[in-house]
Amino acid sequence: MKHVEVVCALIENTEGKIFCCKRGPGRSLEGYWEFPGGKVEKNETHEETIIREIKEELKSDIIPLEYLGVSNYTYKNMAPYDDFSITMYGYRCKLIKGDLELTEHIEKAWKTKEEMKQMNFAEADKPFINN
């Protein structure tokens, strides 16, 4: 089974809301909400990954402020995709430049953690809502 190691950013605004986005068509977990981020590349730190991924996916710059923890989950029976497991490392981050412009996702929102509990989040992201 394929295993991926990813990092996600919980970007908080001045009102205490957190940025989240909905996965686009043609990707695994299509239509699920998630915290932005992506796969850790070889010889890359988690902090370097999250900075790079937000720049690539959302054309914005962030600073990782605090490590929030790790989430492990195995996704099964998600045809047409093969089963895979994921290890996700979460970081609280601050937006320093940009407007979080969508390039891969189909929707974005600033939500409280209480509001997020009512949304259809990917399972690996859910522990960070309750964090």
N, C-alpha and C. Protein backbone atom coordinates (compact mmCIF):
# COMPACT_ATOMS: atom_id res chain seq x y z
N MET A 1 0.84 -1.18 0.00
CA MET A 1 0.00 0.00 0.00
C MET A 1 0.89 1.25 0.00
N LYS A 2 0.51 2.20 -0.78
CA LYS A 2 1.24 3.46 -0.87
C LYS A 2 1.08 4.25 0.43
N HIS A 3 2.19 4.86 0.86
CA HIS A 3 2.16 5.73 2.05
C HIS A 3 2.70 7.10 1.65
N VAL A 4 2.00 8.15 2.07
CA VAL A 4 2.46 9.51 1.79
C VAL A 4 2.66 10.26 3.10
N GLU A 5 3.67 11.11 3.11
CA GLU A 5 3.96 11.97 4.24
C GLU A 5 3.69 13.40 3.80
N VAL A 6 2.78 14.07 4.50
CA VAL A 6 2.37 15.41 4.10
C VAL A 6 2.40 16.36 5.29
N VAL A 7 2.37 17.65 4.97
CA VAL A 7 2.31 18.69 5.98
C VAL A 7 1.12 19.58 5.64
N CYS A 8 0.38 20.01 6.65
CA CYS A 8 -0.74 20.92 6.41
C CYS A 8 -0.58 22.18 7.24
N ALA A 9 -1.16 23.29 6.72
CA ALA A 9 -1.07 24.59 7.37
C ALA A 9 -2.43 24.99 7.91
N LEU A 10 -2.48 25.30 9.18
CA LEU A 10 -3.67 25.90 9.77
C LEU A 10 -3.37 27.40 9.87
N ILE A 11 -3.82 28.12 8.85
CA ILE A 11 -3.55 29.54 8.73
C ILE A 11 -4.69 30.28 9.43
N GLU A 12 -4.33 31.01 10.47
CA GLU A 12 -5.35 31.69 11.27
C GLU A 12 -5.34 33.18 10.98
N ASN A 13 -6.55 33.77 10.86
CA ASN A 13 -6.63 35.22 10.63
C ASN A 13 -6.80 35.96 11.95
N THR A 14 -6.91 37.28 11.89
CA THR A 14 -6.99 38.10 13.10
C THR A 14 -8.30 37.89 13.86
N GLU A 15 -9.31 37.30 13.21
CA GLU A 15 -10.59 37.02 13.85
C GLU A 15 -10.63 35.63 14.48
N GLY A 16 -9.51 34.90 14.40
CA GLY A 16 -9.45 33.57 14.99
C GLY A 16 -10.04 32.48 14.10
N LYS A 17 -10.32 32.82 12.83
CA LYS A 17 -10.83 31.81 11.90
C LYS A 17 -9.67 31.18 11.15
N ILE A 18 -9.88 29.95 10.70
CA ILE A 18 -8.83 29.18 10.05
C ILE A 18 -9.20 28.94 8.59
N PHE A 19 -8.21 29.06 7.72
CA PHE A 19 -8.40 28.88 6.29
C PHE A 19 -8.51 27.40 5.94
N CYS A 20 -9.49 27.07 5.14
CA CYS A 20 -9.63 25.70 4.64
C CYS A 20 -10.08 25.76 3.18
N CYS A 21 -9.89 24.66 2.46
CA CYS A 21 -10.26 24.64 1.04
C CYS A 21 -10.77 23.26 0.65
N LYS A 22 -11.56 23.26 -0.44
CA LYS A 22 -12.20 22.04 -0.91
C LYS A 22 -11.44 21.48 -2.11
N ARG A 23 -11.16 20.18 -2.04
CA ARG A 23 -10.39 19.51 -3.11
C ARG A 23 -11.17 19.49 -4.41
N GLY A 24 -10.44 19.70 -5.48
CA GLY A 24 -11.03 19.79 -6.81
C GLY A 24 -11.25 18.45 -7.49
N PRO A 25 -11.89 18.49 -8.67
CA PRO A 25 -12.20 17.27 -9.42
C PRO A 25 -10.95 16.57 -9.96
N GLY A 26 -11.08 15.24 -10.10
CA GLY A 26 -10.00 14.44 -10.66
C GLY A 26 -8.88 14.14 -9.69
N ARG A 27 -9.10 14.39 -8.42
CA ARG A 27 -8.10 14.10 -7.39
C ARG A 27 -8.71 13.18 -6.34
N SER A 28 -7.88 12.42 -5.66
CA SER A 28 -8.42 11.62 -4.57
C SER A 28 -9.04 12.57 -3.54
N LEU A 29 -10.05 12.10 -2.85
CA LEU A 29 -10.77 12.90 -1.86
C LEU A 29 -11.44 14.13 -2.47
N GLU A 30 -11.83 14.02 -3.72
CA GLU A 30 -12.53 15.11 -4.41
C GLU A 30 -13.75 15.55 -3.61
N GLY A 31 -13.89 16.86 -3.45
CA GLY A 31 -15.05 17.41 -2.75
C GLY A 31 -14.93 17.48 -1.25
N TYR A 32 -13.86 16.93 -0.69
CA TYR A 32 -13.64 17.01 0.76
C TYR A 32 -12.91 18.31 1.10
N TRP A 33 -13.22 18.85 2.27
CA TRP A 33 -12.50 20.01 2.79
C TRP A 33 -11.21 19.54 3.42
N GLU A 34 -10.20 20.41 3.40
CA GLU A 34 -8.90 20.09 3.99
C GLU A 34 -8.17 21.37 4.35
N PHE A 35 -7.10 21.21 5.10
CA PHE A 35 -6.18 22.29 5.34
C PHE A 35 -5.13 22.22 4.25
N PRO A 36 -4.73 23.35 3.67
CA PRO A 36 -3.80 23.30 2.55
C PRO A 36 -2.44 22.77 2.97
N GLY A 37 -1.75 22.19 2.01
CA GLY A 37 -0.42 21.64 2.25
C GLY A 37 -0.06 20.67 1.15
N GLY A 38 0.85 19.77 1.45
CA GLY A 38 1.23 18.80 0.43
C GLY A 38 2.34 17.87 0.89
N LYS A 39 2.82 17.12 -0.08
CA LYS A 39 3.80 16.06 0.17
C LYS A 39 5.18 16.60 0.49
N VAL A 40 5.81 15.94 1.45
CA VAL A 40 7.18 16.25 1.81
C VAL A 40 8.10 15.64 0.76
N GLU A 41 8.98 16.46 0.20
CA GLU A 41 9.93 15.97 -0.79
C GLU A 41 11.23 15.55 -0.10
N LYS A 42 12.02 14.74 -0.79
CA LYS A 42 13.27 14.24 -0.24
C LYS A 42 14.17 15.40 0.18
N ASN A 43 14.79 15.26 1.34
CA ASN A 43 15.72 16.24 1.91
C ASN A 43 15.06 17.60 2.20
N GLU A 44 13.76 17.60 2.46
CA GLU A 44 13.04 18.82 2.75
C GLU A 44 12.48 18.74 4.17
N THR A 45 12.60 19.82 4.94
CA THR A 45 12.02 19.84 6.28
C THR A 45 10.52 20.08 6.15
N HIS A 46 9.79 19.81 7.22
CA HIS A 46 8.35 20.06 7.20
C HIS A 46 8.06 21.55 6.98
N GLU A 47 8.85 22.40 7.62
CA GLU A 47 8.66 23.84 7.47
C GLU A 47 8.90 24.27 6.02
N GLU A 48 9.95 23.74 5.40
CA GLU A 48 10.23 24.06 3.99
C GLU A 48 9.09 23.57 3.10
N THR A 49 8.56 22.39 3.41
CA THR A 49 7.46 21.83 2.62
C THR A 49 6.24 22.74 2.66
N ILE A 50 5.83 23.15 3.85
CA ILE A 50 4.60 23.92 3.96
C ILE A 50 4.74 25.29 3.32
N ILE A 51 5.91 25.90 3.44
CA ILE A 51 6.15 27.19 2.78
C ILE A 51 6.07 27.03 1.26
N ARG A 52 6.73 25.98 0.73
CA ARG A 52 6.72 25.72 -0.72
C ARG A 52 5.32 25.42 -1.23
N GLU A 53 4.61 24.55 -0.53
CA GLU A 53 3.29 24.13 -0.99
C GLU A 53 2.29 25.30 -1.01
N ILE A 54 2.31 26.16 -0.01
CA ILE A 54 1.39 27.29 0.02
C ILE A 54 1.73 28.28 -1.10
N LYS A 55 3.01 28.43 -1.37
CA LYS A 55 3.43 29.30 -2.48
C LYS A 55 2.94 28.71 -3.80
N GLU A 56 3.08 27.39 -4.00
CA GLU A 56 2.66 26.74 -5.25
C GLU A 56 1.15 26.70 -5.39
N GLU A 57 0.44 26.24 -4.36
CA GLU A 57 -1.01 26.00 -4.45
C GLU A 57 -1.85 27.26 -4.28
N LEU A 58 -1.37 28.21 -3.49
CA LEU A 58 -2.20 29.37 -3.14
C LEU A 58 -1.53 30.71 -3.44
N LYS A 59 -0.36 30.67 -4.07
CA LYS A 59 0.36 31.88 -4.49
C LYS A 59 0.49 32.89 -3.35
N SER A 60 0.84 32.37 -2.17
CA SER A 60 0.95 33.20 -0.98
C SER A 60 2.14 32.74 -0.14
N ASP A 61 2.58 33.62 0.76
CA ASP A 61 3.69 33.32 1.65
C ASP A 61 3.20 33.22 3.09
N ILE A 62 3.70 32.22 3.79
CA ILE A 62 3.35 32.01 5.19
C ILE A 62 4.60 31.81 6.02
N ILE A 63 4.43 31.89 7.33
CA ILE A 63 5.48 31.53 8.29
C ILE A 63 4.89 30.48 9.22
N PRO A 64 5.53 29.30 9.31
CA PRO A 64 5.09 28.31 10.31
C PRO A 64 5.44 28.82 11.70
N LEU A 65 4.45 28.82 12.59
CA LEU A 65 4.65 29.35 13.94
C LEU A 65 4.76 28.27 15.01
N GLU A 66 3.99 27.19 14.84
CA GLU A 66 3.91 26.19 15.91
C GLU A 66 3.53 24.83 15.34
N TYR A 67 4.26 23.82 15.76
CA TYR A 67 3.93 22.44 15.40
C TYR A 67 2.74 22.00 16.25
N LEU A 68 1.70 21.46 15.60
CA LEU A 68 0.47 21.09 16.30
C LEU A 68 0.33 19.60 16.56
N GLY A 69 1.08 18.78 15.84
CA GLY A 69 0.98 17.34 16.04
C GLY A 69 0.88 16.58 14.73
N VAL A 70 0.57 15.30 14.88
CA VAL A 70 0.56 14.40 13.72
C VAL A 70 -0.76 13.64 13.68
N SER A 71 -1.18 13.31 12.47
CA SER A 71 -2.38 12.50 12.24
C SER A 71 -2.02 11.38 11.28
N ASN A 72 -2.45 10.17 11.59
CA ASN A 72 -2.24 9.01 10.71
C ASN A 72 -3.60 8.45 10.32
N TYR A 73 -3.76 8.12 9.03
CA TYR A 73 -5.03 7.58 8.58
C TYR A 73 -4.80 6.72 7.34
N THR A 74 -5.61 5.66 7.20
CA THR A 74 -5.56 4.81 6.01
C THR A 74 -6.87 4.97 5.26
N TYR A 75 -6.78 5.40 4.01
CA TYR A 75 -7.95 5.55 3.15
C TYR A 75 -8.13 4.27 2.35
N LYS A 76 -9.34 3.70 2.42
CA LYS A 76 -9.63 2.44 1.72
C LYS A 76 -10.92 2.58 0.91
N ASN A 77 -11.01 1.79 -0.15
CA ASN A 77 -12.22 1.70 -0.97
C ASN A 77 -12.66 3.06 -1.51
N MET A 78 -11.72 3.78 -2.08
CA MET A 78 -12.02 5.09 -2.65
C MET A 78 -11.83 5.05 -4.17
N ALA A 79 -12.45 4.06 -4.81
CA ALA A 79 -12.31 3.88 -6.25
C ALA A 79 -12.57 5.20 -6.97
N PRO A 80 -11.83 5.47 -8.02
CA PRO A 80 -10.90 4.59 -8.73
C PRO A 80 -9.49 4.59 -8.16
N TYR A 81 -9.28 5.17 -6.99
CA TYR A 81 -7.94 5.28 -6.42
C TYR A 81 -7.61 4.07 -5.56
N ASP A 82 -6.33 3.70 -5.57
CA ASP A 82 -5.86 2.60 -4.73
C ASP A 82 -5.87 3.05 -3.26
N ASP A 83 -5.96 2.06 -2.37
CA ASP A 83 -5.86 2.37 -0.94
C ASP A 83 -4.51 3.01 -0.65
N PHE A 84 -4.48 3.93 0.30
CA PHE A 84 -3.21 4.54 0.69
C PHE A 84 -3.29 4.98 2.14
N SER A 85 -2.13 5.09 2.76
CA SER A 85 -2.06 5.60 4.12
C SER A 85 -1.33 6.94 4.10
N ILE A 86 -1.63 7.74 5.11
CA ILE A 86 -1.09 9.08 5.16
C ILE A 86 -0.63 9.41 6.57
N THR A 87 0.50 10.09 6.65
CA THR A 87 0.96 10.69 7.90
C THR A 87 0.98 12.19 7.64
N MET A 88 0.21 12.93 8.44
CA MET A 88 0.07 14.36 8.23
C MET A 88 0.57 15.11 9.46
N TYR A 89 1.46 16.06 9.24
CA TYR A 89 1.99 16.91 10.29
C TYR A 89 1.35 18.29 10.17
N GLY A 90 0.77 18.78 11.24
CA GLY A 90 0.08 20.07 11.21
C GLY A 90 0.88 21.18 11.85
N TYR A 91 0.81 22.37 11.23
CA TYR A 91 1.48 23.55 11.74
C TYR A 91 0.53 24.74 11.74
N ARG A 92 0.51 25.46 12.84
CA ARG A 92 -0.20 26.74 12.88
C ARG A 92 0.69 27.73 12.15
N CYS A 93 0.10 28.49 11.22
CA CYS A 93 0.88 29.37 10.37
C CYS A 93 0.26 30.76 10.28
N LYS A 94 1.08 31.71 9.88
CA LYS A 94 0.63 33.08 9.70
C LYS A 94 0.84 33.47 8.24
N LEU A 95 -0.19 34.05 7.64
CA LEU A 95 -0.10 34.57 6.28
C LEU A 95 0.68 35.87 6.31
N ILE A 96 1.73 35.97 5.49
CA ILE A 96 2.52 37.20 5.48
C ILE A 96 2.43 37.94 4.15
N LYS A 97 2.01 37.24 3.08
CA LYS A 97 1.91 37.90 1.78
C LYS A 97 0.99 37.08 0.88
N GLY A 98 0.07 37.76 0.19
CA GLY A 98 -0.79 37.10 -0.78
C GLY A 98 -2.23 37.03 -0.30
N ASP A 99 -3.09 36.53 -1.20
CA ASP A 99 -4.54 36.46 -0.96
C ASP A 99 -5.07 35.03 -0.94
N LEU A 100 -4.17 34.03 -0.81
CA LEU A 100 -4.57 32.62 -0.80
C LEU A 100 -5.45 32.31 -2.02
N GLU A 101 -4.88 32.52 -3.18
CA GLU A 101 -5.56 32.35 -4.47
C GLU A 101 -5.62 30.86 -4.84
N LEU A 102 -6.82 30.37 -5.12
CA LEU A 102 -7.00 28.95 -5.44
C LEU A 102 -6.43 28.63 -6.82
N THR A 103 -5.62 27.56 -6.89
CA THR A 103 -5.11 27.07 -8.18
C THR A 103 -5.46 25.59 -8.38
N GLU A 104 -5.68 24.85 -7.29
CA GLU A 104 -6.01 23.42 -7.37
C GLU A 104 -7.33 23.10 -6.70
N HIS A 105 -7.77 23.93 -5.81
CA HIS A 105 -9.01 23.70 -5.05
C HIS A 105 -10.17 24.42 -5.72
N ILE A 106 -11.41 24.04 -5.34
CA ILE A 106 -12.58 24.64 -5.98
C ILE A 106 -13.33 25.62 -5.09
N GLU A 107 -12.96 25.68 -3.83
CA GLU A 107 -13.65 26.57 -2.90
C GLU A 107 -12.73 26.83 -1.72
N LYS A 108 -12.88 28.02 -1.11
CA LYS A 108 -12.10 28.34 0.08
C LYS A 108 -13.01 29.03 1.09
N ALA A 109 -12.61 28.95 2.37
CA ALA A 109 -13.42 29.55 3.42
C ALA A 109 -12.55 29.80 4.65
N TRP A 110 -12.94 30.80 5.43
CA TRP A 110 -12.38 31.05 6.75
C TRP A 110 -13.44 30.62 7.74
N LYS A 111 -13.14 29.65 8.58
CA LYS A 111 -14.13 29.07 9.49
C LYS A 111 -13.56 28.92 10.90
N THR A 112 -14.46 28.94 11.87
CA THR A 112 -14.07 28.59 13.23
C THR A 112 -13.98 27.07 13.32
N LYS A 113 -13.34 26.58 14.35
CA LYS A 113 -13.26 25.13 14.53
C LYS A 113 -14.65 24.54 14.75
N GLU A 114 -15.52 25.27 15.42
CA GLU A 114 -16.90 24.78 15.61
C GLU A 114 -17.62 24.65 14.27
N GLU A 115 -17.45 25.62 13.40
CA GLU A 115 -18.07 25.56 12.07
C GLU A 115 -17.50 24.41 11.26
N MET A 116 -16.20 24.16 11.39
CA MET A 116 -15.54 23.09 10.64
C MET A 116 -16.08 21.72 11.03
N LYS A 117 -16.51 21.57 12.26
CA LYS A 117 -17.03 20.27 12.71
C LYS A 117 -18.28 19.86 11.93
N GLN A 118 -18.94 20.81 11.30
CA GLN A 118 -20.15 20.52 10.52
C GLN A 118 -19.83 20.31 9.03
N MET A 119 -18.57 20.46 8.65
CA MET A 119 -18.17 20.36 7.24
C MET A 119 -17.63 18.96 6.94
N ASN A 120 -17.61 18.63 5.67
CA ASN A 120 -17.15 17.32 5.20
C ASN A 120 -15.63 17.35 5.01
N PHE A 121 -14.89 17.19 6.13
CA PHE A 121 -13.43 17.23 6.09
C PHE A 121 -12.85 15.85 5.82
N ALA A 122 -11.70 15.81 5.15
CA ALA A 122 -10.95 14.57 4.98
C ALA A 122 -10.58 14.03 6.36
N GLU A 123 -10.64 12.72 6.51
CA GLU A 123 -10.41 12.10 7.82
C GLU A 123 -9.06 12.45 8.44
N ALA A 124 -8.01 12.50 7.62
CA ALA A 124 -6.68 12.79 8.17
C ALA A 124 -6.59 14.21 8.72
N ASP A 125 -7.43 15.12 8.23
CA ASP A 125 -7.41 16.51 8.69
C ASP A 125 -8.21 16.71 9.97
N LYS A 126 -9.19 15.85 10.22
CA LYS A 126 -10.12 16.04 11.34
C LYS A 126 -9.45 16.20 12.71
N PRO A 127 -8.39 15.47 13.04
CA PRO A 127 -7.78 15.67 14.36
C PRO A 127 -7.32 17.10 14.62
N PHE A 128 -6.99 17.84 13.57
CA PHE A 128 -6.51 19.21 13.74
C PHE A 128 -7.66 20.18 14.01
N ILE A 129 -8.87 19.79 13.69
CA ILE A 129 -10.05 20.60 14.03
C ILE A 129 -10.26 20.55 15.54
N ASN A 130 -10.04 19.40 16.13
CA ASN A 130 -10.27 19.21 17.56
C ASN A 130 -9.07 19.56 18.42
N ASN A 131 -7.99 19.97 17.77
CA ASN A 131 -6.73 20.27 18.45
C ASN A 131 -6.82 21.57 19.22
